[in-house]
Protein backbone atom coordinates (compact mmCIF):
# COMPACT_ATOMS: atom_id res chain seq x y z
CA MET A 1 0.04 -0.04 -0.04
CA ILE A 2 1.05 3.45 -0.79
CA TYR A 3 -0.51 5.80 1.77
CA LEU A 4 -0.90 9.35 0.37
CA ASP A 5 -3.79 10.50 2.58
CA TYR A 6 -2.03 12.00 5.56
CA ASN A 7 -4.52 14.88 5.55
CA ALA A 8 -7.30 12.39 6.34
CA SER A 9 -5.30 10.73 9.10
CA THR A 10 -1.77 10.20 10.11
CA PRO A 11 -0.46 6.71 11.31
CA VAL A 12 0.31 6.74 14.97
CA ASP A 13 4.05 7.30 15.55
CA PRO A 14 5.67 4.31 17.04
CA ALA A 15 7.06 6.53 19.93
CA VAL A 16 3.55 7.74 20.68
CA ARG A 17 2.32 4.06 20.74
CA GLU A 18 5.17 3.17 23.09
CA ALA A 19 4.32 6.17 25.54
CA MET A 20 0.70 5.18 25.57
CA TRP A 21 1.19 1.48 26.36
CA PRO A 22 1.76 1.78 30.22
CA TYR A 23 -1.62 3.69 30.49
CA LEU A 24 -3.54 0.86 28.91
CA GLY A 25 -2.18 -1.46 31.70
CA GLU A 26 -0.22 -0.66 34.72
CA TYR A 27 -1.41 3.01 35.08
CA TYR A 28 -5.13 2.80 34.93
CA GLY A 29 -6.20 5.40 37.80
CA ASN A 30 -8.75 8.11 37.58
CA PRO A 31 -6.73 11.42 37.23
CA SER A 32 -9.39 13.00 39.70
CA SER A 33 -8.83 10.56 42.38
CA GLY A 34 -6.57 11.68 45.21
CA HIS A 35 -4.86 8.39 45.94
CA ILE A 36 -1.52 7.23 44.43
CA LYS A 37 -3.04 5.71 41.28
CA GLY A 38 -4.94 8.84 40.50
CA ARG A 39 -1.79 11.09 41.18
CA GLU A 40 0.33 8.76 38.74
CA VAL A 41 -1.95 9.48 35.92
CA SER A 42 -2.74 13.06 36.80
CA LYS A 43 0.84 13.93 36.62
CA ALA A 44 1.06 12.19 32.93
CA VAL A 45 -2.15 14.43 31.97
CA SER A 46 -0.19 17.49 33.28
CA LYS A 47 2.90 16.67 31.30
CA ALA A 48 1.05 16.24 28.09
CA ARG A 49 -0.76 19.45 28.62
CA GLU A 50 2.69 21.10 28.86
CA GLN A 51 3.79 19.36 25.71
CA VAL A 52 0.88 20.57 23.64
CA ALA A 53 1.07 24.05 25.14
CA SER A 54 4.74 24.09 24.24
CA LEU A 55 4.00 23.18 20.63
CA LEU A 56 1.51 26.09 20.49
CA GLY A 57 3.63 28.66 22.43
CA ALA A 58 0.86 28.67 24.99
CA ALA A 59 0.51 28.38 28.80
CA PRO A 60 -0.72 24.85 29.97
CA LYS A 61 -3.54 26.36 31.83
CA ASN A 62 -4.96 27.47 28.33
CA ILE A 63 -5.13 23.85 26.91
CA VAL A 64 -8.42 21.94 27.00
CA PHE A 65 -8.33 18.41 25.98
CA THR A 66 -11.15 17.25 23.85
CA SER A 67 -12.13 14.21 21.74
CA GLY A 68 -10.86 15.82 18.58
CA GLY A 69 -11.01 18.84 16.27
CA THR A 70 -14.64 18.64 15.68
CA GLU A 71 -15.41 18.92 19.45
CA ALA A 72 -12.87 21.83 19.81
CA ASN A 73 -14.64 23.60 16.97
CA ASN A 74 -18.04 23.01 18.37
CA LEU A 75 -17.00 24.01 21.79
CA THR A 76 -15.73 27.37 20.57
CA ILE A 77 -18.57 28.18 18.17
CA LYS A 78 -21.38 27.19 20.43
CA GLY A 79 -19.75 28.34 23.64
CA VAL A 80 -19.08 31.81 22.25
CA ALA A 81 -22.40 32.03 20.83
CA HIS A 82 -24.17 31.15 24.21
CA SER A 83 -21.80 33.22 26.33
CA LEU A 84 -21.95 36.46 24.20
CA ARG A 85 -25.45 36.22 23.05
CA GLY A 86 -26.53 39.33 24.91
CA ARG A 87 -23.80 41.29 23.03
CA GLY A 88 -24.50 40.09 19.54
CA ARG A 89 -25.55 37.13 17.45
CA HIS A 90 -23.40 37.54 14.41
CA ILE A 91 -20.56 35.17 13.31
CA ILE A 92 -18.16 35.31 10.36
CA THR A 93 -16.71 32.22 8.67
CA SER A 94 -15.73 31.24 5.15
CA VAL A 95 -17.38 28.96 2.49
CA ILE A 96 -14.35 26.50 2.48
CA GLU A 97 -14.40 25.70 6.15
CA HIS A 98 -14.51 21.99 7.36
CA PRO A 99 -17.99 20.60 8.12
CA ALA A 100 -17.05 21.00 11.82
CA VAL A 101 -17.39 24.51 11.43
CA LEU A 102 -19.97 24.89 8.87
CA ILE A 103 -22.49 22.53 10.53
CA PRO A 104 -22.34 24.16 13.83
CA CYS A 105 -22.73 27.57 12.28
CA ARG A 106 -25.86 26.30 10.43
CA PHE A 107 -27.20 24.94 13.64
CA LEU A 108 -26.83 28.35 15.36
CA ALA A 109 -28.46 29.93 12.26
CA GLN A 110 -31.62 27.79 13.03
CA SER A 111 -31.47 29.26 16.53
CA GLY A 112 -31.70 32.94 15.87
CA TYR A 113 -27.97 33.63 14.98
CA GLU A 114 -26.70 35.06 11.65
CA VAL A 115 -23.82 33.68 9.77
CA SER A 116 -21.84 35.46 7.01
CA TYR A 117 -19.80 33.23 4.75
CA VAL A 118 -16.84 34.98 2.99
CA GLY A 119 -15.73 33.64 -0.43
CA VAL A 120 -12.28 32.75 -1.61
CA ASP A 121 -10.26 33.47 -4.99
CA SER A 122 -9.22 30.75 -7.41
CA THR A 123 -6.29 29.60 -5.07
CA GLY A 124 -8.57 29.28 -2.15
CA LEU A 125 -7.31 32.43 -0.44
CA ILE A 126 -9.57 34.51 1.70
CA ASP A 127 -9.60 38.42 0.96
CA LEU A 128 -9.11 40.28 4.09
CA GLN A 129 -11.42 42.99 2.81
CA ALA A 130 -14.13 40.57 2.38
CA ILE A 131 -13.99 39.90 6.02
CA ALA A 132 -13.77 43.52 6.79
CA ASP A 133 -16.78 44.26 4.92
CA GLU A 134 -18.83 41.63 6.86
CA ILE A 135 -18.07 42.97 10.32
CA ARG A 136 -21.03 44.33 12.02
CA PRO A 137 -21.56 46.02 15.63
CA ASP A 138 -23.12 42.72 16.69
CA THR A 139 -20.31 40.40 15.33
CA ILE A 140 -19.02 38.30 18.20
CA LEU A 141 -16.78 35.67 16.50
CA ILE A 142 -14.70 35.12 13.36
CA SER A 143 -13.89 31.52 12.62
CA ILE A 144 -11.47 30.90 9.74
CA MET A 145 -9.32 27.75 9.24
CA HIS A 146 -5.58 27.93 9.16
CA ALA A 147 -5.06 25.68 6.22
CA ASN A 148 -7.47 24.11 4.06
CA ASN A 149 -7.83 20.37 4.25
CA GLU A 150 -8.43 19.75 0.52
CA VAL A 151 -6.10 22.15 -1.35
CA GLY A 152 -3.71 23.11 1.49
CA THR A 153 -4.08 26.93 1.06
CA ILE A 154 -2.86 28.87 4.19
CA GLN A 155 -4.97 31.73 5.26
CA PRO A 156 -3.67 34.97 6.58
CA ILE A 157 -4.82 34.28 10.19
CA ALA A 158 -2.63 36.89 11.89
CA GLU A 159 -3.91 39.63 9.62
CA ILE A 160 -7.51 38.50 10.14
CA ALA A 161 -6.95 38.47 13.83
CA GLY A 162 -5.75 42.04 13.68
CA LEU A 163 -8.97 43.02 12.14
CA ALA A 164 -10.79 41.24 14.92
CA ARG A 165 -8.81 42.79 17.78
CA GLU A 166 -9.43 46.34 16.36
CA ARG A 167 -13.24 45.72 16.84
CA ASN A 168 -13.23 43.54 19.96
CA ILE A 169 -14.28 40.51 18.32
CA LEU A 170 -13.15 36.97 19.27
CA ILE A 171 -11.07 35.04 16.71
CA HIS A 172 -10.98 31.22 16.35
CA THR A 173 -8.85 29.18 13.70
CA ASP A 174 -9.22 25.51 13.09
CA ALA A 175 -5.66 24.35 12.96
CA ALA A 176 -6.44 20.56 12.55
CA GLN A 177 -4.47 20.50 9.29
CA SER A 178 -1.71 22.92 10.06
CA CYS A 179 -0.61 21.95 13.54
CA GLY A 180 2.52 19.98 13.23
CA LYS A 181 3.06 20.94 9.70
CA ILE A 182 3.71 24.63 9.97
CA GLU A 183 4.06 27.07 12.75
CA THR A 184 0.93 27.39 14.94
CA ARG A 185 2.22 29.56 17.79
CA VAL A 186 -0.90 31.38 19.19
CA SER A 187 1.00 34.48 19.96
CA ASP A 188 2.14 34.83 16.33
CA LEU A 189 -1.42 34.13 15.00
CA GLY A 190 -3.12 36.49 17.49
CA VAL A 191 -5.93 34.14 18.07
CA ASP A 192 -8.25 33.56 20.88
CA PHE A 193 -9.11 29.87 20.16
CA LEU A 194 -7.23 27.33 18.16
CA SER A 195 -8.44 23.79 17.70
CA VAL A 196 -5.97 20.71 17.35
CA ALA A 197 -6.90 17.14 15.97
CA GLY A 198 -4.60 14.47 17.34
CA HIS A 199 -5.13 12.10 14.30
CA LYS A 200 -3.65 14.68 11.97
CA LEU A 201 -0.59 14.81 14.22
CA TYR A 202 0.54 11.23 14.50
CA ALA A 203 -1.53 10.77 17.70
CA PRO A 204 -4.52 8.38 17.97
CA GLN A 205 -7.85 9.26 16.73
CA GLY A 206 -10.42 10.38 19.36
CA ILE A 207 -8.15 13.06 21.05
CA GLY A 208 -7.68 16.71 20.35
CA ALA A 209 -7.24 20.00 22.04
CA LEU A 210 -8.49 23.59 22.28
CA PHE A 211 -6.50 26.53 23.01
CA ILE A 212 -8.43 29.31 24.91
CA ARG A 213 -6.87 32.50 25.69
CA SER A 214 -6.51 33.62 29.16
CA GLY A 215 -9.56 35.69 30.53
CA ILE A 216 -12.07 34.22 28.08
CA GLU A 217 -14.82 32.25 29.65
CA ILE A 218 -17.22 30.40 27.41
CA GLU A 219 -20.14 27.96 28.10
CA PRO A 220 -18.97 24.27 28.07
CA LEU A 221 -20.62 21.73 25.73
CA HIS A 222 -20.36 18.94 28.38
CA HIS A 223 -21.79 19.67 31.78
CA GLY A 224 -20.86 17.37 34.79
CA ALA A 225 -17.90 17.38 37.02
CA GLY A 226 -15.21 20.08 36.97
CA HIS A 227 -12.67 18.48 34.50
CA GLU A 228 -10.52 20.52 32.55
CA ASN A 229 -10.95 23.45 34.83
CA GLY A 230 -14.64 23.38 34.31
CA ARG A 231 -14.39 23.67 30.61
CA ARG A 232 -15.00 20.17 29.59
CA ALA A 233 -16.66 17.69 31.85
CA GLY A 234 -15.78 14.06 31.51
CA THR A 235 -12.94 11.86 32.78
CA GLU A 236 -9.94 12.50 30.70
CA PRO A 237 -8.78 9.63 28.31
CA VAL A 238 -5.29 9.35 29.82
CA PRO A 239 -3.73 6.98 27.23
CA ALA A 240 -4.91 9.33 24.27
CA ILE A 241 -3.83 12.42 26.11
CA VAL A 242 -0.44 10.97 26.79
CA GLY A 243 -0.17 10.11 23.01
CA LEU A 244 -1.11 13.63 22.03
CA GLY A 245 1.42 15.00 24.33
CA VAL A 246 4.18 13.00 22.79
CA ALA A 247 3.09 13.68 19.18
CA ALA A 248 3.00 17.49 20.12
CA GLU A 249 6.62 17.16 21.38
CA LEU A 250 7.79 15.19 18.24
CA ALA A 251 6.21 17.70 16.05
CA GLU A 252 8.12 20.50 17.85
CA GLN A 253 11.36 18.62 17.67
CA GLN A 254 11.38 17.30 14.14
CA ALA A 255 12.12 19.89 11.50
CA ASP A 256 11.39 17.84 8.60
CA ASP A 257 9.76 20.37 6.40
CA ALA A 258 12.42 20.28 3.73
CA VAL A 259 12.13 16.42 3.48
CA ILE A 260 8.32 16.70 3.28
CA ILE A 261 8.49 19.35 0.71
CA ALA A 262 11.04 17.43 -1.33
CA LEU A 263 8.61 14.50 -1.53
CA ARG A 264 5.73 16.46 -2.30
CA ASP A 265 7.59 18.26 -5.15
CA ARG A 266 8.93 14.92 -6.46
CA LEU A 267 5.54 13.67 -6.85
CA HIS A 268 4.37 16.91 -8.54
CA ARG A 269 7.38 16.73 -11.07
CA GLY A 270 6.91 13.04 -11.72
CA LEU A 271 3.26 13.72 -12.68
CA GLN A 272 3.73 16.99 -14.44
CA SER A 273 6.65 15.33 -16.63
CA LYS A 274 4.21 12.68 -17.84
CA LEU A 275 0.93 14.48 -17.94
CA GLY A 276 2.03 18.02 -19.09
CA ASP A 277 -0.56 20.68 -19.21
CA ARG A 278 -3.39 18.03 -18.55
CA LEU A 279 -2.25 18.39 -14.94
CA VAL A 280 -3.49 21.52 -13.01
CA LEU A 281 -2.29 22.52 -9.61
CA LEU A 282 -5.12 23.36 -7.18
CA GLY A 283 -4.84 25.76 -4.37
CA HIS A 284 -2.20 28.56 -3.71
CA PRO A 285 1.21 27.86 -5.56
CA HIS A 286 3.16 29.17 -2.61
CA ARG A 287 0.87 29.60 0.60
CA ARG A 288 0.17 25.96 0.99
CA LEU A 289 0.92 23.08 3.36
CA PRO A 290 4.36 21.58 2.60
CA ASN A 291 2.75 18.06 2.57
CA THR A 292 -0.18 18.66 0.36
CA LEU A 293 -0.41 18.27 -3.53
CA ALA A 294 -3.88 18.88 -4.86
CA VAL A 295 -4.23 18.48 -8.62
CA GLY A 296 -6.86 18.23 -11.29
CA LEU A 297 -6.43 16.13 -14.34
CA ARG A 298 -8.34 17.51 -17.14
CA GLY A 299 -10.77 15.08 -18.90
CA HIS A 300 -10.71 12.58 -16.00
CA PHE A 301 -12.71 11.77 -12.87
CA GLY A 302 -10.60 11.78 -9.82
CA ALA A 303 -12.52 8.72 -8.42
CA ASP A 304 -12.06 6.69 -11.44
CA LEU A 305 -8.49 7.53 -11.50
CA LEU A 306 -7.93 6.20 -7.93
CA ALA A 307 -10.18 3.03 -8.49
CA LYS A 308 -7.55 2.03 -11.08
CA CYS A 309 -4.86 2.51 -8.41
CA PRO A 310 -5.86 0.15 -5.69
CA ASP A 311 -2.45 0.22 -4.07
CA ILE A 312 -2.70 3.98 -3.64
CA CYS A 313 -4.65 5.58 -0.61
CA ALA A 314 -5.73 9.13 -1.50
CA SER A 315 -8.70 11.24 -1.61
CA THR A 316 -10.62 12.99 -4.44
CA GLY A 317 -11.99 16.47 -4.91
CA SER A 318 -15.21 15.32 -6.36
CA ALA A 319 -18.07 12.80 -5.67
CA CYS A 320 -20.49 10.58 -7.45
CA HIS A 321 -24.00 10.38 -5.92
CA SER A 322 -26.84 8.51 -7.60
CA GLY A 323 -25.34 8.57 -10.93
CA THR A 324 -24.48 12.30 -10.95
CA ARG A 325 -21.08 13.72 -10.38
CA GLU A 326 -20.37 16.71 -8.36
CA LYS A 327 -17.23 18.72 -7.43
CA SER A 328 -16.45 19.43 -4.00
CA ALA A 329 -17.66 22.53 -2.21
CA VAL A 330 -14.24 23.92 -1.90
CA LEU A 331 -13.34 23.60 -5.70
CA ALA A 332 -16.89 25.12 -6.45
CA ALA A 333 -16.13 28.03 -4.14
CA MET A 334 -12.72 28.45 -6.14
CA ASN A 335 -14.56 28.51 -9.38
CA THR A 336 -12.44 25.59 -10.60
CA PRO A 337 -13.41 24.69 -14.04
CA ASP A 338 -15.65 21.47 -14.20
CA ASP A 339 -13.01 19.64 -16.56
CA VAL A 340 -10.35 20.22 -13.87
CA ALA A 341 -12.53 19.83 -10.66
CA PHE A 342 -13.86 16.59 -11.61
CA GLY A 343 -10.35 15.24 -12.00
CA GLY A 344 -9.31 16.56 -8.63
CA VAL A 345 -7.24 14.27 -6.47
CA ARG A 346 -5.66 15.19 -3.06
CA LEU A 347 -2.24 13.50 -2.43
CA SER A 348 -0.90 14.29 0.93
CA VAL A 349 2.57 12.92 2.10
CA GLY A 350 3.98 12.42 5.60
CA ARG A 351 6.62 11.41 7.95
CA PHE A 352 6.83 7.68 6.83
CA THR A 353 6.45 8.31 3.01
CA THR A 354 9.34 7.36 0.94
CA GLU A 355 10.73 8.34 -2.39
CA ALA A 356 10.25 4.80 -3.78
CA GLU A 357 6.44 5.02 -2.85
CA ILE A 358 6.37 8.53 -4.55
CA ASP A 359 7.93 6.98 -7.91
CA GLU A 360 5.57 4.11 -7.72
CA ALA A 361 2.49 6.42 -7.16
CA VAL A 362 3.60 8.28 -10.17
CA THR A 363 3.72 5.32 -12.39
CA GLN A 364 0.29 4.05 -11.35
CA LEU A 365 -1.34 7.31 -11.48
CA VAL A 366 0.05 8.04 -15.06
CA ALA A 367 -1.03 4.50 -16.24
CA ALA A 368 -4.50 5.25 -14.77
CA ALA A 369 -4.69 8.41 -16.66
CA SER A 370 -4.12 6.63 -19.91
CA GLU A 371 -7.19 4.51 -19.50
CA SER A 372 -9.83 6.50 -17.44
CA ALA A 373 -11.63 9.46 -18.68
CA ILE A 374 -15.04 11.18 -18.27
CA PRO A 375 -17.71 10.63 -20.75
CA PRO A 376 -18.75 13.78 -22.37
CA GLN A 377 -22.14 14.03 -20.69
CA CYS A 378 -20.58 14.10 -17.24
CA CYS A 379 -18.80 17.34 -17.87
């Protein structure tokens, strides 16, 4: 298998697995218990909180452990909406956000809130002026992803945060795709909230974190005992938290950007050399994640291409439902031409990708491109 879907989920790093193992056996106490078994695991949770905080350049007290990026996004959006409903009921987000942001916003829109959705240009980049134009006296939150999960375009979060601060508006960024791949220090980004997803970071699935800036109080999603300083009720999943902590430490220590970029560019060059101008780069040519190569192949359908490459694990930028073919919401928002969007494929490399795998993926994809094409009526 050639795994080129690191943006969907990363394998758990061996060092992460090793660190988690004792907490699946010997260390089984409840971190809220005052006895020795509780203190053993409470200490491990505190260490993991420090590790995640260090990666984000934050204080440990500002880190809340969650079940993943989706919960972190929901906690932020719904928590802010509830806590600041007396001040305003307007939220700004973008049309290319992950469903974990878009769906909570739609939920709030059904409950009396107003949501403005800003568009993007053909590279997936948000225009600062478009956000400024949507700001109103009753705007309470701006939520914009740090990097797009499909095409990898990196948004100008620090500049957006500047707009928010000038108007006393809270700012949240979904950093599920960027954390561990590029710098996500909260002081540089200027955000009030930042969401982390462990399974994009070589930690296990089912664990994440939310940074909440000091001085901000929001209504929790989960009510119960006073876990996570009262911000997220529920006994902490110690093994997963330990894993996320080690994953965060590894991400901070490993400066492998150059290696990852070289793999991504080797893949791009290999495909381009064989497919020529039939291959179109999707997303921003420079402001994009170092591991992400999103491309569209003219005259082809992405799902068909990947179906002819059973050894390759990757994602498409289009879908087929009940006999009709649709391009993704992200590519639609970017006004990507249909003949390119239908052939959209997202190839994302990672820590364990090899050059041999890249070369074999090129061979298989090029071979598939010589066989598979969209019938004219599907365009």
